[in-house]
Amino acid sequence: MTPTSETSITKVVLTCLALYGTYRAVRFLLNKDYANKASKPQIAYKEKWTKREISQYRGQTPDTPILIGLKGKVFDVSAGRGFYGAGASYNVFAGRDASRLLAKQEFDDGVIAEEELDAPLDALEDLLEDEKECLDSYVGLYTVKYRCVGNLVDQI
C-alpha cells in the first residue's frame, strides 16, 4: 500500500465513525424525546385542590402526575419529571404548597408532615420584598412552562 491509499482509507474509516456517532446521537435524542412525551400523565382541571389532595401527586411512579402548589395555584409539573420526579433534586417541592420554600430558596428533607397537610394555607405576609419578587418570578415561570390545573384552597 502506498501512503496515499493508507491516508484515504483512514479518512474513509474516520468519516464512517463520525457518521455512525452522529446517527447514534440523533437516535438517542429522538428516543429520549419520545420517552419524555410518553411519560407525561395528564391530570384533569379541578377548580379546588387541598394540600392533602395534591400530596398524592408526587411522581412516585412514571405514571403518577406531579403537582405543585404555588401562591394559591396548582400546577401540573409532570413535564418536568426529570426535575420534580422521585429522586430528583426538586422533588422536595412536589405534592405540596411550595410557595414559601421557593420564595426563600429553601430545600428541606421533602417529607410532608401531617401538620403541614392540615395547616391553613400560608398567607406569606412575612416574606421580604426580594422573596416576594422571587416567588412572583416562579409564578410567572410556572404559568408559562406548566399547566395550571386549579386553585389551592384550605378545604373544599
N, C-alpha and C. Protein backbone atom coordinates (compact mmCIF):
# COMPACT_ATOMS: atom_id res chain seq x y z
N MET A 1 0.83 -1.19 0.00
CA MET A 1 0.00 0.00 0.00
C MET A 1 0.86 1.24 0.00
N THR A 2 0.38 2.21 -0.67
CA THR A 2 1.12 3.46 -0.74
C THR A 2 0.62 4.39 0.37
N PRO A 3 1.41 5.37 0.76
CA PRO A 3 0.99 6.30 1.80
C PRO A 3 -0.31 7.01 1.45
N THR A 4 -0.55 7.28 0.18
CA THR A 4 -1.77 7.97 -0.23
C THR A 4 -2.99 7.09 0.00
N SER A 5 -2.88 5.80 -0.33
CA SER A 5 -4.03 4.90 -0.14
C SER A 5 -4.30 4.67 1.35
N GLU A 6 -3.25 4.64 2.19
CA GLU A 6 -3.46 4.49 3.63
C GLU A 6 -4.17 5.72 4.20
N THR A 7 -3.81 6.89 3.71
CA THR A 7 -4.45 8.13 4.15
C THR A 7 -5.91 8.13 3.73
N SER A 8 -6.20 7.68 2.51
CA SER A 8 -7.57 7.63 2.01
C SER A 8 -8.41 6.66 2.83
N ILE A 9 -7.84 5.52 3.14
CA ILE A 9 -8.56 4.52 3.94
C ILE A 9 -8.82 5.08 5.34
N THR A 10 -7.85 5.74 5.91
CA THR A 10 -8.01 6.34 7.24
C THR A 10 -9.12 7.39 7.23
N LYS A 11 -9.16 8.21 6.19
CA LYS A 11 -10.21 9.23 6.07
C LYS A 11 -11.59 8.59 5.96
N VAL A 12 -11.69 7.53 5.17
CA VAL A 12 -12.96 6.84 5.00
C VAL A 12 -13.42 6.23 6.33
N VAL A 13 -12.52 5.59 7.04
CA VAL A 13 -12.85 4.97 8.33
C VAL A 13 -13.28 6.04 9.33
N LEU A 14 -12.55 7.14 9.40
CA LEU A 14 -12.90 8.22 10.33
C LEU A 14 -14.24 8.85 9.96
N THR A 15 -14.50 9.01 8.68
CA THR A 15 -15.79 9.56 8.24
C THR A 15 -16.92 8.61 8.62
N CYS A 16 -16.72 7.32 8.42
CA CYS A 16 -17.75 6.33 8.79
C CYS A 16 -18.00 6.35 10.30
N LEU A 17 -16.95 6.44 11.07
CA LEU A 17 -17.11 6.50 12.53
C LEU A 17 -17.85 7.77 12.96
N ALA A 18 -17.54 8.88 12.32
CA ALA A 18 -18.22 10.14 12.64
C ALA A 18 -19.70 10.07 12.28
N LEU A 19 -20.00 9.50 11.11
CA LEU A 19 -21.39 9.35 10.70
C LEU A 19 -22.15 8.41 11.63
N TYR A 20 -21.51 7.33 12.02
CA TYR A 20 -22.16 6.39 12.93
C TYR A 20 -22.41 7.06 14.30
N GLY A 21 -21.44 7.82 14.78
CA GLY A 21 -21.62 8.52 16.05
C GLY A 21 -22.75 9.53 15.98
N THR A 22 -22.85 10.25 14.87
CA THR A 22 -23.94 11.20 14.68
C THR A 22 -25.28 10.47 14.64
N TYR A 23 -25.34 9.37 13.91
CA TYR A 23 -26.56 8.57 13.84
C TYR A 23 -27.00 8.12 15.23
N ARG A 24 -26.07 7.62 16.03
CA ARG A 24 -26.40 7.14 17.38
C ARG A 24 -26.89 8.29 18.27
N ALA A 25 -26.27 9.45 18.15
CA ALA A 25 -26.66 10.60 18.96
C ALA A 25 -28.07 11.06 18.60
N VAL A 26 -28.35 11.16 17.30
CA VAL A 26 -29.69 11.58 16.86
C VAL A 26 -30.72 10.55 17.28
N ARG A 27 -30.42 9.30 17.13
CA ARG A 27 -31.36 8.23 17.52
C ARG A 27 -31.63 8.29 19.02
N PHE A 28 -30.61 8.53 19.83
CA PHE A 28 -30.77 8.64 21.28
C PHE A 28 -31.69 9.82 21.61
N LEU A 29 -31.44 10.96 20.99
CA LEU A 29 -32.24 12.15 21.27
C LEU A 29 -33.69 11.96 20.86
N LEU A 30 -33.93 11.33 19.72
CA LEU A 30 -35.29 11.08 19.28
C LEU A 30 -36.01 10.12 20.22
N ASN A 31 -35.33 9.07 20.63
CA ASN A 31 -35.94 8.11 21.56
C ASN A 31 -36.18 8.75 22.91
N LYS A 32 -35.27 9.59 23.35
CA LYS A 32 -35.42 10.27 24.64
C LYS A 32 -36.64 11.19 24.60
N ASP A 33 -36.80 11.94 23.51
CA ASP A 33 -37.94 12.84 23.37
C ASP A 33 -39.24 12.05 23.36
N TYR A 34 -39.27 10.92 22.66
CA TYR A 34 -40.46 10.08 22.62
C TYR A 34 -40.79 9.55 24.01
N ALA A 35 -39.77 9.12 24.75
CA ALA A 35 -39.98 8.61 26.10
C ALA A 35 -40.51 9.70 27.01
N ASN A 36 -40.00 10.94 26.86
CA ASN A 36 -40.50 12.04 27.68
C ASN A 36 -41.96 12.33 27.38
N LYS A 37 -42.36 12.27 26.11
CA LYS A 37 -43.75 12.51 25.76
C LYS A 37 -44.64 11.41 26.32
N ALA A 38 -44.16 10.20 26.33
CA ALA A 38 -44.95 9.09 26.82
C ALA A 38 -45.09 9.12 28.34
N SER A 39 -44.17 9.77 29.03
CA SER A 39 -44.20 9.74 30.48
C SER A 39 -44.83 11.00 31.09
N LYS A 40 -45.70 11.67 30.35
CA LYS A 40 -46.36 12.87 30.86
C LYS A 40 -47.83 12.58 31.10
N PRO A 41 -48.15 11.98 32.23
CA PRO A 41 -49.57 11.72 32.50
C PRO A 41 -50.33 13.03 32.65
N GLN A 42 -51.52 13.08 32.10
CA GLN A 42 -52.34 14.28 32.16
C GLN A 42 -53.31 14.18 33.33
N ILE A 43 -53.53 15.29 33.98
CA ILE A 43 -54.48 15.34 35.08
C ILE A 43 -55.53 16.39 34.72
N ALA A 44 -56.77 16.08 35.01
CA ALA A 44 -57.87 16.98 34.64
C ALA A 44 -57.89 18.22 35.52
N TYR A 45 -58.36 19.32 34.93
CA TYR A 45 -58.52 20.56 35.69
C TYR A 45 -59.58 20.33 36.76
N LYS A 46 -59.31 20.87 37.93
CA LYS A 46 -60.24 20.77 39.05
C LYS A 46 -60.22 22.13 39.73
N GLU A 47 -61.36 22.73 39.94
CA GLU A 47 -61.44 24.09 40.46
C GLU A 47 -60.70 24.25 41.78
N LYS A 48 -60.88 23.29 42.70
CA LYS A 48 -60.30 23.43 44.04
C LYS A 48 -59.53 22.17 44.43
N TRP A 49 -58.33 22.39 44.94
CA TRP A 49 -57.47 21.33 45.45
C TRP A 49 -57.08 21.69 46.88
N THR A 50 -56.98 20.67 47.74
CA THR A 50 -56.44 20.89 49.09
C THR A 50 -55.00 20.40 49.11
N LYS A 51 -54.29 20.79 50.15
CA LYS A 51 -52.90 20.32 50.29
C LYS A 51 -52.85 18.80 50.42
N ARG A 52 -53.83 18.23 51.09
CA ARG A 52 -53.86 16.77 51.24
C ARG A 52 -54.05 16.09 49.88
N GLU A 53 -54.88 16.67 49.03
CA GLU A 53 -55.10 16.08 47.70
C GLU A 53 -53.85 16.14 46.84
N ILE A 54 -53.19 17.29 46.80
CA ILE A 54 -52.01 17.37 45.92
C ILE A 54 -50.85 16.55 46.46
N SER A 55 -50.88 16.22 47.76
CA SER A 55 -49.80 15.40 48.33
C SER A 55 -49.78 13.99 47.75
N GLN A 56 -50.87 13.59 47.10
CA GLN A 56 -50.94 12.27 46.47
C GLN A 56 -50.25 12.24 45.11
N TYR A 57 -49.83 13.40 44.63
CA TYR A 57 -49.25 13.52 43.30
C TYR A 57 -47.81 14.01 43.39
N ARG A 58 -46.93 13.09 43.76
CA ARG A 58 -45.51 13.43 43.93
C ARG A 58 -44.63 12.75 42.90
N GLY A 59 -45.24 12.06 41.93
CA GLY A 59 -44.46 11.40 40.89
C GLY A 59 -43.72 10.17 41.37
N GLN A 60 -44.33 9.42 42.30
CA GLN A 60 -43.69 8.23 42.85
C GLN A 60 -43.41 7.19 41.78
N THR A 61 -44.27 7.12 40.77
CA THR A 61 -44.06 6.21 39.65
C THR A 61 -44.12 7.02 38.35
N PRO A 62 -43.64 6.47 37.25
CA PRO A 62 -43.69 7.20 35.98
C PRO A 62 -45.12 7.52 35.53
N ASP A 63 -46.10 6.80 36.05
CA ASP A 63 -47.49 7.02 35.66
C ASP A 63 -48.22 8.01 36.56
N THR A 64 -47.57 8.44 37.64
CA THR A 64 -48.21 9.35 38.59
C THR A 64 -47.90 10.80 38.23
N PRO A 65 -48.93 11.63 38.06
CA PRO A 65 -48.67 13.06 37.79
C PRO A 65 -47.95 13.71 38.97
N ILE A 66 -47.37 14.86 38.72
CA ILE A 66 -46.68 15.62 39.75
C ILE A 66 -47.32 17.00 39.83
N LEU A 67 -47.83 17.34 41.02
CA LEU A 67 -48.47 18.63 41.23
C LEU A 67 -47.69 19.45 42.24
N ILE A 68 -47.69 20.76 42.04
CA ILE A 68 -47.05 21.69 42.97
C ILE A 68 -48.01 22.85 43.20
N GLY A 69 -48.21 23.18 44.48
CA GLY A 69 -48.98 24.36 44.82
C GLY A 69 -48.06 25.56 44.89
N LEU A 70 -48.52 26.68 44.31
CA LEU A 70 -47.68 27.88 44.28
C LEU A 70 -48.58 29.11 44.28
N LYS A 71 -48.54 29.81 45.39
CA LYS A 71 -49.27 31.07 45.55
C LYS A 71 -50.75 30.93 45.17
N GLY A 72 -51.37 29.88 45.71
CA GLY A 72 -52.80 29.67 45.50
C GLY A 72 -53.19 28.95 44.23
N LYS A 73 -52.24 28.60 43.42
CA LYS A 73 -52.49 27.86 42.18
C LYS A 73 -51.88 26.47 42.29
N VAL A 74 -52.42 25.53 41.51
CA VAL A 74 -51.86 24.18 41.45
C VAL A 74 -51.40 23.94 40.03
N PHE A 75 -50.13 23.56 39.88
CA PHE A 75 -49.53 23.34 38.57
C PHE A 75 -49.17 21.87 38.40
N ASP A 76 -49.44 21.35 37.20
CA ASP A 76 -49.03 20.01 36.83
C ASP A 76 -47.64 20.12 36.21
N VAL A 77 -46.63 19.69 36.96
CA VAL A 77 -45.24 19.79 36.50
C VAL A 77 -44.70 18.44 36.03
N SER A 78 -45.61 17.56 35.62
CA SER A 78 -45.21 16.23 35.15
C SER A 78 -44.25 16.31 33.97
N ALA A 79 -44.37 17.36 33.16
CA ALA A 79 -43.46 17.53 32.02
C ALA A 79 -42.02 17.71 32.48
N GLY A 80 -41.84 18.14 33.72
CA GLY A 80 -40.50 18.31 34.29
C GLY A 80 -40.13 17.19 35.22
N ARG A 81 -40.55 15.97 34.90
CA ARG A 81 -40.31 14.81 35.76
C ARG A 81 -38.83 14.63 36.10
N GLY A 82 -37.96 14.99 35.20
CA GLY A 82 -36.53 14.89 35.48
C GLY A 82 -36.09 15.78 36.62
N PHE A 83 -36.83 16.86 36.88
CA PHE A 83 -36.52 17.77 37.98
C PHE A 83 -37.34 17.45 39.24
N TYR A 84 -38.63 17.11 39.03
CA TYR A 84 -39.56 17.00 40.15
C TYR A 84 -39.95 15.57 40.52
N GLY A 85 -39.57 14.59 39.72
CA GLY A 85 -39.95 13.20 39.98
C GLY A 85 -39.20 12.60 41.16
N ALA A 86 -39.59 11.38 41.50
CA ALA A 86 -38.98 10.67 42.63
C ALA A 86 -37.46 10.61 42.47
N GLY A 87 -36.74 11.03 43.50
CA GLY A 87 -35.28 11.00 43.50
C GLY A 87 -34.62 12.20 42.83
N ALA A 88 -35.41 13.06 42.19
CA ALA A 88 -34.84 14.24 41.52
C ALA A 88 -34.61 15.37 42.53
N SER A 89 -33.78 16.32 42.14
CA SER A 89 -33.37 17.36 43.08
C SER A 89 -34.51 18.26 43.56
N TYR A 90 -35.50 18.51 42.72
CA TYR A 90 -36.60 19.39 43.11
C TYR A 90 -37.84 18.62 43.59
N ASN A 91 -37.69 17.33 43.84
CA ASN A 91 -38.80 16.53 44.34
C ASN A 91 -39.30 17.02 45.69
N VAL A 92 -38.48 17.77 46.42
CA VAL A 92 -38.91 18.30 47.73
C VAL A 92 -40.09 19.25 47.59
N PHE A 93 -40.29 19.82 46.39
CA PHE A 93 -41.40 20.74 46.16
C PHE A 93 -42.66 20.02 45.68
N ALA A 94 -42.54 18.79 45.23
CA ALA A 94 -43.64 18.05 44.63
C ALA A 94 -44.69 17.66 45.67
N GLY A 95 -45.95 17.78 45.27
CA GLY A 95 -47.05 17.34 46.11
C GLY A 95 -47.32 18.23 47.31
N ARG A 96 -46.94 19.48 47.23
CA ARG A 96 -47.14 20.37 48.38
C ARG A 96 -47.24 21.81 47.94
N ASP A 97 -47.62 22.67 48.88
CA ASP A 97 -47.59 24.10 48.64
C ASP A 97 -46.13 24.52 48.82
N ALA A 98 -45.48 24.79 47.72
CA ALA A 98 -44.04 25.10 47.74
C ALA A 98 -43.77 26.60 47.74
N SER A 99 -44.77 27.41 47.98
CA SER A 99 -44.63 28.87 47.89
C SER A 99 -43.51 29.40 48.77
N ARG A 100 -43.55 29.10 50.05
CA ARG A 100 -42.54 29.63 50.99
C ARG A 100 -41.16 29.07 50.67
N LEU A 101 -41.08 27.79 50.36
CA LEU A 101 -39.78 27.18 50.06
C LEU A 101 -39.13 27.82 48.84
N LEU A 102 -39.91 28.04 47.79
CA LEU A 102 -39.36 28.65 46.59
C LEU A 102 -39.04 30.12 46.80
N ALA A 103 -39.88 30.84 47.52
CA ALA A 103 -39.62 32.26 47.77
C ALA A 103 -38.31 32.45 48.54
N LYS A 104 -38.06 31.56 49.50
CA LYS A 104 -36.86 31.68 50.33
C LYS A 104 -35.70 30.84 49.79
N GLN A 105 -35.94 30.14 48.68
CA GLN A 105 -34.92 29.27 48.10
C GLN A 105 -34.42 28.25 49.12
N GLU A 106 -35.36 27.63 49.82
CA GLU A 106 -35.02 26.64 50.85
C GLU A 106 -35.36 25.24 50.37
N PHE A 107 -34.50 24.33 50.71
CA PHE A 107 -34.73 22.91 50.45
C PHE A 107 -34.81 22.22 51.79
N ASP A 108 -35.91 21.50 52.03
CA ASP A 108 -35.98 20.72 53.26
C ASP A 108 -35.79 19.25 52.90
N ASP A 109 -36.13 18.36 53.79
CA ASP A 109 -35.91 16.94 53.53
C ASP A 109 -36.96 16.33 52.59
N GLY A 110 -37.99 17.11 52.24
CA GLY A 110 -39.01 16.62 51.32
C GLY A 110 -40.10 15.80 51.96
N VAL A 111 -40.01 15.57 53.25
CA VAL A 111 -41.05 14.81 53.95
C VAL A 111 -42.19 15.76 54.27
N ILE A 112 -43.40 15.36 53.89
CA ILE A 112 -44.57 16.19 54.15
C ILE A 112 -45.25 15.67 55.41
N ALA A 113 -45.18 16.46 56.48
CA ALA A 113 -45.75 16.06 57.76
C ALA A 113 -47.27 16.27 57.76
N GLU A 114 -47.96 15.50 58.58
CA GLU A 114 -49.41 15.64 58.73
C GLU A 114 -49.78 17.07 59.11
N GLU A 115 -48.97 17.69 59.95
CA GLU A 115 -49.25 19.07 60.39
C GLU A 115 -49.27 20.02 59.20
N GLU A 116 -48.37 19.79 58.26
CA GLU A 116 -48.32 20.64 57.07
C GLU A 116 -49.59 20.49 56.24
N LEU A 117 -50.08 19.25 56.13
CA LEU A 117 -51.27 18.99 55.33
C LEU A 117 -52.52 19.60 55.95
N ASP A 118 -52.57 19.63 57.26
CA ASP A 118 -53.76 20.12 57.96
C ASP A 118 -53.71 21.60 58.28
N ALA A 119 -52.55 22.24 58.13
CA ALA A 119 -52.41 23.66 58.45
C ALA A 119 -53.10 24.51 57.38
N PRO A 120 -53.59 25.68 57.78
CA PRO A 120 -54.18 26.58 56.77
C PRO A 120 -53.12 27.02 55.76
N LEU A 121 -53.58 27.49 54.61
CA LEU A 121 -52.64 27.98 53.60
C LEU A 121 -51.81 29.12 54.17
N ASP A 122 -50.56 29.14 53.80
CA ASP A 122 -49.63 30.17 54.26
C ASP A 122 -49.97 31.48 53.56
N ALA A 123 -50.23 32.53 54.34
CA ALA A 123 -50.57 33.85 53.77
C ALA A 123 -49.34 34.55 53.20
N LEU A 124 -48.16 34.12 53.57
CA LEU A 124 -46.89 34.65 53.05
C LEU A 124 -46.70 36.14 53.35
N GLU A 125 -47.36 36.62 54.37
CA GLU A 125 -47.31 38.05 54.70
C GLU A 125 -45.95 38.50 55.23
N ASP A 126 -45.20 37.58 55.81
CA ASP A 126 -43.92 37.97 56.42
C ASP A 126 -42.72 37.85 55.47
N LEU A 127 -42.98 37.57 54.20
CA LEU A 127 -41.88 37.48 53.24
C LEU A 127 -41.28 38.86 53.01
N LEU A 128 -39.97 38.90 52.84
CA LEU A 128 -39.29 40.14 52.49
C LEU A 128 -39.61 40.50 51.04
N GLU A 129 -39.37 41.73 50.66
CA GLU A 129 -39.71 42.20 49.32
C GLU A 129 -39.00 41.38 48.24
N ASP A 130 -37.71 41.07 48.44
CA ASP A 130 -37.00 40.29 47.43
C ASP A 130 -37.52 38.85 47.37
N GLU A 131 -37.99 38.32 48.48
CA GLU A 131 -38.58 36.98 48.48
C GLU A 131 -39.92 36.98 47.74
N LYS A 132 -40.70 38.05 47.89
CA LYS A 132 -41.96 38.17 47.15
C LYS A 132 -41.69 38.26 45.65
N GLU A 133 -40.66 39.01 45.27
CA GLU A 133 -40.30 39.12 43.87
C GLU A 133 -39.84 37.77 43.32
N CYS A 134 -39.09 37.06 44.11
CA CYS A 134 -38.62 35.72 43.71
C CYS A 134 -39.82 34.79 43.49
N LEU A 135 -40.77 34.82 44.43
CA LEU A 135 -41.97 34.00 44.31
C LEU A 135 -42.76 34.38 43.07
N ASP A 136 -42.92 35.67 42.83
CA ASP A 136 -43.65 36.12 41.64
C ASP A 136 -42.96 35.67 40.36
N SER A 137 -41.63 35.63 40.37
CA SER A 137 -40.89 35.14 39.21
C SER A 137 -41.19 33.67 38.97
N TYR A 138 -41.24 32.90 40.05
CA TYR A 138 -41.58 31.47 39.91
C TYR A 138 -42.99 31.30 39.39
N VAL A 139 -43.93 32.10 39.89
CA VAL A 139 -45.31 32.00 39.41
C VAL A 139 -45.35 32.29 37.91
N GLY A 140 -44.62 33.31 37.47
CA GLY A 140 -44.56 33.62 36.04
C GLY A 140 -43.97 32.49 35.23
N LEU A 141 -42.89 31.92 35.73
CA LEU A 141 -42.23 30.80 35.04
C LEU A 141 -43.17 29.60 34.94
N TYR A 142 -43.80 29.24 36.05
CA TYR A 142 -44.68 28.08 36.06
C TYR A 142 -45.91 28.32 35.18
N THR A 143 -46.40 29.54 35.14
CA THR A 143 -47.56 29.86 34.32
C THR A 143 -47.25 29.66 32.84
N VAL A 144 -46.04 29.99 32.44
CA VAL A 144 -45.63 29.83 31.04
C VAL A 144 -45.26 28.38 30.74
N LYS A 145 -44.56 27.74 31.65
CA LYS A 145 -43.97 26.43 31.38
C LYS A 145 -44.90 25.25 31.67
N TYR A 146 -45.77 25.37 32.67
CA TYR A 146 -46.60 24.24 33.10
C TYR A 146 -48.08 24.61 33.05
N ARG A 147 -48.90 23.58 33.09
CA ARG A 147 -50.35 23.76 33.03
C ARG A 147 -50.93 23.94 34.43
N CYS A 148 -51.72 25.01 34.61
CA CYS A 148 -52.41 25.22 35.88
C CYS A 148 -53.63 24.32 35.86
N VAL A 149 -53.80 23.51 36.92
CA VAL A 149 -54.92 22.56 36.97
C VAL A 149 -55.92 22.90 38.05
N GLY A 150 -55.82 24.10 38.63
CA GLY A 150 -56.80 24.53 39.61
C GLY A 150 -56.22 25.46 40.66
N ASN A 151 -57.00 25.67 41.71
CA ASN A 151 -56.62 26.57 42.79
C ASN A 151 -56.41 25.79 44.08
N LEU A 152 -55.43 26.21 44.86
CA LEU A 152 -55.15 25.59 46.15
C LEU A 152 -55.99 26.28 47.22
N VAL A 153 -56.77 25.49 47.94
CA VAL A 153 -57.66 26.04 48.97
C VAL A 153 -57.46 25.29 50.28
N ASP A 154 -57.93 25.91 51.38
CA ASP A 154 -57.81 25.25 52.69
C ASP A 154 -58.65 23.99 52.77
N GLN A 155 -59.90 24.11 52.38
CA GLN A 155 -60.80 22.96 52.38
C GLN A 155 -61.87 23.13 51.33
N ILE A 156 -62.45 22.01 50.95
CA ILE A 156 -63.48 22.03 49.91
C ILE A 156 -64.85 22.04 50.55
